[in-house]
N, C-alpha and C. Protein backbone atom coordinates (compact mmCIF):
# COMPACT_ATOMS: atom_id res chain seq x y z
N MET A 1 0.62 -1.06 0.12
CA MET A 1 0.16 0.15 -0.04
C MET A 1 0.54 1.41 -0.09
N VAL A 2 0.54 2.14 -0.74
CA VAL A 2 1.21 3.48 -0.60
C VAL A 2 0.30 4.37 -0.73
N HIS A 3 1.04 5.63 0.11
CA HIS A 3 -0.22 7.27 0.21
C HIS A 3 0.70 7.71 -0.34
N VAL A 4 -0.10 8.39 -0.79
CA VAL A 4 0.18 10.01 -1.25
C VAL A 4 -0.52 10.95 -0.07
N LEU A 5 0.37 12.07 0.29
CA LEU A 5 -0.16 13.08 1.18
C LEU A 5 0.53 14.37 0.22
N VAL A 6 -0.50 15.02 0.29
CA VAL A 6 -0.88 16.24 -0.07
C VAL A 6 -1.56 17.61 0.66
N ARG A 7 -0.68 18.50 0.41
CA ARG A 7 -0.94 19.70 1.35
C ARG A 7 -0.99 20.72 -0.06
N HIS A 8 -1.85 21.40 0.48
CA HIS A 8 -1.96 22.75 -0.27
C HIS A 8 -3.25 23.44 -0.09
N LYS A 9 -3.19 24.99 -0.57
CA LYS A 9 -4.48 26.08 0.07
C LYS A 9 -5.24 26.27 -1.49
N VAL A 10 -6.28 26.47 -0.56
CA VAL A 10 -7.68 26.39 -1.95
C VAL A 10 -8.45 28.11 -1.83
N ALA A 11 -8.95 28.62 -3.05
CA ALA A 11 -9.02 29.71 -2.59
C ALA A 11 -10.50 30.07 -1.75
N ASP A 12 -11.38 28.40 -1.94
CA ASP A 12 -12.70 28.60 -1.40
C ASP A 12 -13.04 27.41 -1.52
N TYR A 13 -12.70 26.75 0.22
CA TYR A 13 -12.93 25.12 0.39
C TYR A 13 -14.20 24.66 0.38
N ASN A 14 -15.19 25.54 -0.14
CA ASN A 14 -16.53 24.77 -0.36
C ASN A 14 -16.38 24.46 -1.87
N GLN A 15 -16.31 25.16 -2.49
CA GLN A 15 -15.73 25.39 -3.97
C GLN A 15 -14.97 24.21 -4.42
N TRP A 16 -13.75 23.89 -3.46
CA TRP A 16 -12.82 23.14 -3.81
C TRP A 16 -13.47 21.55 -3.36
N LYS A 17 -14.06 21.47 -2.33
CA LYS A 17 -14.59 20.00 -1.91
C LYS A 17 -15.54 19.54 -3.19
N GLU A 18 -16.37 20.42 -3.53
CA GLU A 18 -17.17 20.13 -4.48
C GLU A 18 -16.64 19.57 -5.88
N ALA A 19 -15.77 20.53 -6.27
CA ALA A 19 -15.11 19.67 -6.98
C ALA A 19 -14.33 18.45 -6.98
N PHE A 20 -13.56 18.38 -5.56
CA PHE A 20 -12.99 16.81 -5.22
C PHE A 20 -13.55 15.78 -5.23
N ASP A 21 -15.12 16.20 -4.81
CA ASP A 21 -16.38 15.26 -4.71
C ASP A 21 -16.63 14.41 -6.05
N ASN A 22 -16.86 15.61 -7.20
CA ASN A 22 -16.91 15.43 -8.65
C ASN A 22 -15.93 14.60 -9.09
N HIS A 23 -14.92 14.64 -8.66
CA HIS A 23 -13.55 13.77 -9.21
C HIS A 23 -13.13 12.44 -8.83
N LEU A 24 -14.58 12.03 -8.11
CA LEU A 24 -13.91 10.78 -7.40
C LEU A 24 -13.76 9.62 -8.28
N SER A 25 -15.06 9.56 -9.48
CA SER A 25 -14.78 8.30 -10.07
C SER A 25 -13.67 8.43 -11.45
N VAL A 26 -13.15 9.50 -11.13
CA VAL A 26 -11.55 9.77 -12.20
C VAL A 26 -10.48 9.23 -11.48
N ARG A 27 -10.54 9.57 -10.09
CA ARG A 27 -9.34 9.11 -8.83
C ARG A 27 -9.97 7.62 -8.97
N LYS A 28 -10.67 7.05 -8.62
CA LYS A 28 -10.93 5.60 -8.52
C LYS A 28 -10.85 5.05 -10.09
N ARG A 29 -10.70 5.40 -10.94
CA ARG A 29 -10.36 4.89 -12.61
C ARG A 29 -8.96 4.51 -12.32
N ALA A 30 -8.11 6.10 -11.83
CA ALA A 30 -6.98 5.76 -11.79
C ALA A 30 -6.20 5.22 -10.78
N GLY A 31 -7.15 4.15 -9.84
CA GLY A 31 -6.33 3.27 -8.88
C GLY A 31 -6.91 3.79 -7.49
N GLU A 32 -7.21 5.16 -7.37
CA GLU A 32 -7.19 5.65 -5.64
C GLU A 32 -8.22 4.62 -5.06
N THR A 33 -7.57 3.94 -3.99
CA THR A 33 -8.42 2.83 -2.91
C THR A 33 -8.78 3.81 -1.87
N GLY A 34 -8.91 4.71 -1.52
CA GLY A 34 -9.28 5.25 -0.26
C GLY A 34 -8.56 6.87 -0.23
N PHE A 35 -9.40 7.67 1.05
CA PHE A 35 -8.36 8.70 1.13
C PHE A 35 -9.10 9.49 2.19
N ARG A 36 -8.28 10.19 3.19
CA ARG A 36 -9.06 11.00 4.22
C ARG A 36 -8.33 12.40 4.03
N LEU A 37 -9.28 13.01 4.42
CA LEU A 37 -9.61 14.57 4.11
C LEU A 37 -9.24 15.34 5.40
N PHE A 38 -8.34 16.20 5.36
CA PHE A 38 -8.19 17.36 6.47
C PHE A 38 -8.38 18.35 6.33
N HIS A 39 -8.83 19.24 6.96
CA HIS A 39 -8.55 20.95 6.71
C HIS A 39 -7.81 21.47 8.23
N ASP A 40 -6.93 22.56 7.82
CA ASP A 40 -6.70 23.17 9.32
C ASP A 40 -7.72 23.72 10.40
N ALA A 41 -7.68 23.25 11.35
CA ALA A 41 -8.65 24.13 12.09
C ALA A 41 -8.96 25.42 12.76
N ASP A 42 -7.73 26.14 12.21
CA ASP A 42 -7.88 27.79 11.80
C ASP A 42 -8.17 28.17 10.59
N ASP A 43 -8.22 27.69 9.76
CA ASP A 43 -7.96 27.99 8.34
C ASP A 43 -8.40 26.77 7.54
N PRO A 44 -10.07 26.58 7.34
CA PRO A 44 -9.90 25.23 6.21
C PRO A 44 -9.73 25.58 4.92
N ARG A 45 -9.18 26.41 4.40
CA ARG A 45 -8.81 26.70 2.91
C ARG A 45 -7.22 25.32 2.85
N ASN A 46 -6.52 25.40 4.30
CA ASN A 46 -5.12 24.53 3.99
C ASN A 46 -5.78 23.74 4.40
N ILE A 47 -5.44 22.44 3.25
CA ILE A 47 -6.29 21.24 2.97
C ILE A 47 -4.90 19.83 3.25
N THR A 48 -5.46 19.15 3.53
CA THR A 48 -4.43 17.48 3.45
C THR A 48 -4.93 16.74 2.97
N LEU A 49 -4.75 15.85 2.23
CA LEU A 49 -5.39 14.45 1.69
C LEU A 49 -3.90 13.41 2.24
N LEU A 50 -4.58 12.48 2.72
CA LEU A 50 -3.99 11.28 2.37
C LEU A 50 -4.64 10.10 1.57
N LEU A 51 -3.96 10.11 0.42
CA LEU A 51 -5.13 9.17 -0.75
C LEU A 51 -4.02 7.64 -0.76
N ASP A 52 -5.01 6.83 -0.94
CA ASP A 52 -4.42 4.97 -0.69
C ASP A 52 -4.09 4.91 -2.23
N TRP A 53 -3.16 3.95 -2.94
CA TRP A 53 -2.97 3.37 -4.07
C TRP A 53 -2.54 2.40 -3.81
N PRO A 54 -2.47 1.60 -4.62
CA PRO A 54 -1.99 -0.16 -4.91
C PRO A 54 -0.63 -0.14 -4.65
N THR A 55 -0.35 1.32 -5.59
CA THR A 55 1.39 0.81 -6.11
C THR A 55 1.90 2.45 -6.16
N VAL A 56 3.43 2.78 -5.89
CA VAL A 56 3.74 4.29 -6.29
C VAL A 56 3.42 4.60 -7.80
N GLU A 57 3.73 3.95 -8.46
CA GLU A 57 3.98 3.64 -10.29
C GLU A 57 2.30 4.55 -10.58
N GLU A 58 1.33 3.96 -9.97
CA GLU A 58 -0.20 4.28 -10.55
C GLU A 58 -0.27 5.79 -9.62
N ALA A 59 0.08 5.79 -8.19
CA ALA A 59 -0.02 7.21 -7.57
C ALA A 59 0.65 8.23 -8.66
N ARG A 60 2.01 8.41 -8.91
CA ARG A 60 2.74 9.06 -9.35
C ARG A 60 1.93 9.40 -10.82
N ARG A 61 1.76 8.41 -11.64
CA ARG A 61 1.02 8.74 -12.75
C ARG A 61 0.01 9.63 -12.84
N PHE A 62 -0.60 9.36 -11.89
CA PHE A 62 -2.52 10.30 -11.39
C PHE A 62 -1.65 11.69 -11.18
N MET A 63 -0.96 11.68 -10.27
CA MET A 63 -0.40 13.00 -9.55
C MET A 63 0.37 13.68 -10.53
N ASN A 64 0.94 13.28 -11.31
CA ASN A 64 1.38 13.94 -12.24
C ASN A 64 1.05 13.87 -13.53
N SER A 65 -0.54 13.87 -13.97
CA SER A 65 -1.13 14.10 -15.20
C SER A 65 -2.00 15.43 -15.44
N ASP A 66 -1.97 15.58 -16.40
CA ASP A 66 -2.47 17.05 -16.63
C ASP A 66 -4.16 16.89 -16.32
N GLU A 67 -4.52 16.01 -16.71
CA GLU A 67 -6.08 15.64 -15.96
C GLU A 67 -5.81 16.31 -14.63
N LEU A 68 -5.22 15.71 -13.83
CA LEU A 68 -5.61 16.23 -12.19
C LEU A 68 -4.64 17.90 -12.22
N ARG A 69 -4.03 18.06 -12.79
CA ARG A 69 -3.45 19.86 -12.75
C ARG A 69 -4.37 20.81 -13.26
N ASN A 70 -5.13 20.06 -14.35
CA ASN A 70 -5.99 21.16 -14.89
C ASN A 70 -7.45 21.41 -13.75
N ALA A 71 -8.04 19.84 -13.14
CA ALA A 71 -8.59 19.76 -11.85
C ALA A 71 -8.11 20.57 -10.97
N MET A 72 -7.40 20.89 -10.57
CA MET A 72 -6.60 21.13 -9.41
C MET A 72 -7.17 22.80 -9.60
N THR A 73 -6.43 23.20 -10.82
CA THR A 73 -6.54 24.80 -11.02
C THR A 73 -8.14 25.32 -11.33
N LYS A 74 -8.80 24.72 -12.02
CA LYS A 74 -10.73 24.46 -11.83
C LYS A 74 -11.14 24.93 -10.23
N ALA A 75 -10.64 23.58 -9.78
CA ALA A 75 -11.15 23.82 -8.31
C ALA A 75 -10.78 25.24 -7.22
N GLY A 76 -9.72 25.96 -7.96
CA GLY A 76 -9.32 26.82 -6.91
C GLY A 76 -8.11 26.53 -6.24
N VAL A 77 -7.25 25.46 -6.34
CA VAL A 77 -6.21 25.43 -5.60
C VAL A 77 -4.97 26.65 -5.88
N VAL A 78 -4.70 27.30 -4.51
CA VAL A 78 -3.88 28.42 -5.19
C VAL A 78 -2.13 27.60 -4.80
N GLY A 79 -1.85 28.53 -5.80
CA GLY A 79 0.00 27.94 -5.74
C GLY A 79 0.38 26.25 -6.27
N ALA A 80 1.50 25.72 -6.07
CA ALA A 80 2.12 24.27 -6.29
C ALA A 80 1.41 23.07 -4.98
N PRO A 81 0.99 22.34 -5.01
CA PRO A 81 0.94 21.52 -3.93
C PRO A 81 2.11 21.25 -3.61
N GLU A 82 2.23 20.59 -2.16
CA GLU A 82 3.17 19.95 -1.68
C GLU A 82 2.54 18.37 -1.60
N ILE A 83 3.61 17.15 -2.30
CA ILE A 83 3.35 16.06 -2.07
C ILE A 83 4.64 15.48 -2.09
N GLN A 84 3.87 14.25 -1.02
CA GLN A 84 5.11 13.27 -0.64
C GLN A 84 4.37 11.88 -1.07
N TYR A 85 5.41 10.69 -1.14
CA TYR A 85 4.93 9.58 -1.43
C TYR A 85 5.37 8.53 -0.75
N LEU A 86 4.63 8.14 0.50
CA LEU A 86 4.72 7.37 1.41
C LEU A 86 4.53 5.83 1.27
N GLU A 87 5.27 5.16 1.94
CA GLU A 87 4.88 3.46 2.09
C GLU A 87 4.77 3.15 3.80
N ASP A 88 3.84 2.11 3.68
CA ASP A 88 3.38 1.41 5.21
C ASP A 88 4.68 1.02 5.47
N ALA A 89 5.18 1.33 6.64
CA ALA A 89 6.09 0.74 7.34
C ALA A 89 5.57 -0.10 8.62
N ARG A 90 4.92 0.44 9.56
CA ARG A 90 4.04 -0.36 10.14
C ARG A 90 2.86 0.58 10.55
N SER A 91 1.98 -0.62 10.82
CA SER A 91 0.75 0.19 11.58
C SER A 91 0.07 -0.60 12.74
N VAL A 92 -0.39 0.50 13.66
CA VAL A 92 -0.78 0.25 14.90
C VAL A 92 -2.49 0.38 14.91
N HIS A 93 -2.96 -0.10 15.27
CA HIS A 93 -4.60 0.60 15.81
C HIS A 93 -4.90 -0.39 16.78
N ARG A 94 -5.38 1.06 17.64
CA ARG A 94 -5.25 0.85 19.63
C ARG A 94 -7.02 0.55 19.65
N THR A 95 -7.33 -0.43 20.49
CA THR A 95 -8.46 -0.53 21.18
C THR A 95 -8.82 -0.08 22.59
N SER A 96 -9.99 -0.02 23.02
CA SER A 96 -10.03 0.56 24.45
C SER A 96 -9.49 -0.43 25.32
N ALA A 97 -9.44 -2.04 24.96
CA ALA A 97 -8.67 -2.59 25.78
C ALA A 97 -7.06 -3.06 25.75
N ASP A 98 -6.45 -1.90 24.94
CA ASP A 98 -5.24 -1.81 24.60
C ASP A 98 -4.67 -1.17 26.13
């Protein structure tokens, strides 16, 4: 499993969120298997995404695509996103019994 950590600022959160939601089928076709969306508690225009992909090749292909670049521009992303590719090294899920 590969995760893509994306940080960027958007002009308007609600406009960006609608565009992000509408882009779901494109992301799924490209190989995305899940995501988590965060926004800064003090400024919801500061977005952090953690997207899940089967392989780093699929993730890089999508993240470097003109289609994504155009969609981000239309959605109101301000400036260049910060992108990191992460691989699972260890995962622990706690329960109340731990």
